Amino acid sequence: DLGGNILKKERFAYADTTTPLETVTYEYGDAAWRDKLTAVNGNDIAYDAIGNPLNDGTWTYTWQNGRQLQKMQKPGVT
């Protein structure tokens, strides 16, 4: 976009093809913080009061001492 944010990522096979194998879309919907990622592939991202992501629709993040990532959890993954 005009702010330099990545709007999508496409992955292609190593062949002559114009159809991507995978497309990931990114959204930035916070008017007060224009480069804050708010969704990936339509999954909203929740943040805590200091800007740490808490979950992204797939992973849940736990933080300690402010901005130190303590753990990431995903259902079915230990």
Protein backbone atom coordinates (compact mmCIF):
# COMPACT_ATOMS: atom_id res chain seq x y z
CA ASP A 1 0.00 0.00 0.00
CA LEU A 2 1.05 3.65 0.06
CA GLY A 3 2.45 3.24 3.57
CA GLY A 4 4.79 0.42 2.53
CA ASN A 5 2.76 -2.35 4.16
CA ILE A 6 2.74 -5.81 2.57
CA LEU A 7 -0.81 -6.62 1.45
CA LYS A 8 -0.32 -10.17 0.22
CA LYS A 9 2.25 -12.90 -0.22
CA GLU A 10 2.00 -15.47 -3.01
CA ARG A 11 3.92 -18.73 -3.31
CA PHE A 12 4.42 -20.32 -6.73
CA ALA A 13 5.66 -23.71 -7.92
CA TYR A 14 9.04 -23.87 -9.64
CA ALA A 15 7.44 -24.17 -13.05
CA ASP A 16 5.93 -21.99 -15.73
CA THR A 17 2.69 -21.09 -13.98
CA THR A 18 0.78 -17.96 -13.16
CA THR A 19 -1.46 -19.59 -10.54
CA PRO A 20 -0.11 -19.31 -6.99
CA LEU A 21 0.00 -22.40 -4.77
CA GLU A 22 -0.76 -20.24 -1.76
CA THR A 23 -1.83 -16.65 -1.12
CA VAL A 24 -1.66 -14.98 2.29
CA THR A 25 -3.43 -11.63 2.73
CA TYR A 26 -2.59 -8.96 5.31
CA GLU A 27 -4.84 -6.18 6.63
CA TYR A 28 -3.98 -2.95 8.45
CA GLY A 29 -7.23 -1.54 9.84
CA ASP A 30 -6.19 0.67 12.75
CA ALA A 31 -6.58 4.37 11.89
CA ALA A 32 -4.45 5.42 14.88
CA TRP A 33 -1.58 3.04 14.02
CA ARG A 34 -1.45 2.70 10.23
CA ASP A 35 1.18 -0.06 10.04
CA LYS A 36 -0.39 -2.22 12.77
CA LEU A 37 -1.25 -5.62 11.33
CA THR A 38 -4.91 -6.27 12.22
CA ALA A 39 -5.69 -9.49 10.30
CA VAL A 40 -4.00 -12.30 8.37
CA ASN A 41 -6.16 -14.21 5.87
CA GLY A 42 -9.24 -12.67 7.48
CA ASN A 43 -8.29 -13.79 11.02
CA ASP A 44 -8.27 -10.82 13.39
CA ILE A 45 -5.23 -10.20 15.57
CA ALA A 46 -5.83 -9.14 19.19
CA TYR A 47 -3.24 -6.99 21.01
CA ASP A 48 -2.60 -6.15 24.65
CA ALA A 49 -2.34 -2.59 25.99
CA ILE A 50 1.35 -2.22 25.03
CA GLY A 51 1.01 -3.63 21.52
CA ASN A 52 1.96 -7.29 21.95
CA PRO A 53 -0.13 -9.66 19.82
CA LEU A 54 -2.24 -12.00 21.98
CA ASN A 55 -3.66 -14.23 19.27
CA ASP A 56 -3.92 -14.34 15.51
CA GLY A 57 -6.68 -16.88 14.95
CA THR A 58 -4.16 -19.75 14.99
CA TRP A 59 -1.60 -19.08 17.72
CA THR A 60 -2.02 -17.69 21.25
CA TYR A 61 0.93 -15.68 22.58
CA THR A 62 1.92 -15.21 26.23
CA TRP A 63 4.26 -12.37 27.20
CA GLN A 64 6.40 -11.70 30.27
CA ASN A 65 8.40 -8.70 31.46
CA GLY A 66 6.69 -6.43 28.96
CA ARG A 67 7.74 -7.47 25.47
CA GLN A 68 9.48 -10.81 26.10
CA LEU A 69 7.64 -13.67 24.40
CA GLN A 70 7.18 -16.45 26.97
CA LYS A 71 5.31 -19.00 24.85
CA MET A 72 3.22 -19.64 21.77
CA GLN A 73 0.35 -22.12 21.86
CA LYS A 74 -1.66 -23.68 19.06
CA PRO A 75 -4.50 -26.16 19.58
CA GLY A 76 -3.15 -29.68 19.21
CA VAL A 77 0.51 -28.58 19.39
CA THR A 78 2.53 -28.85 22.59
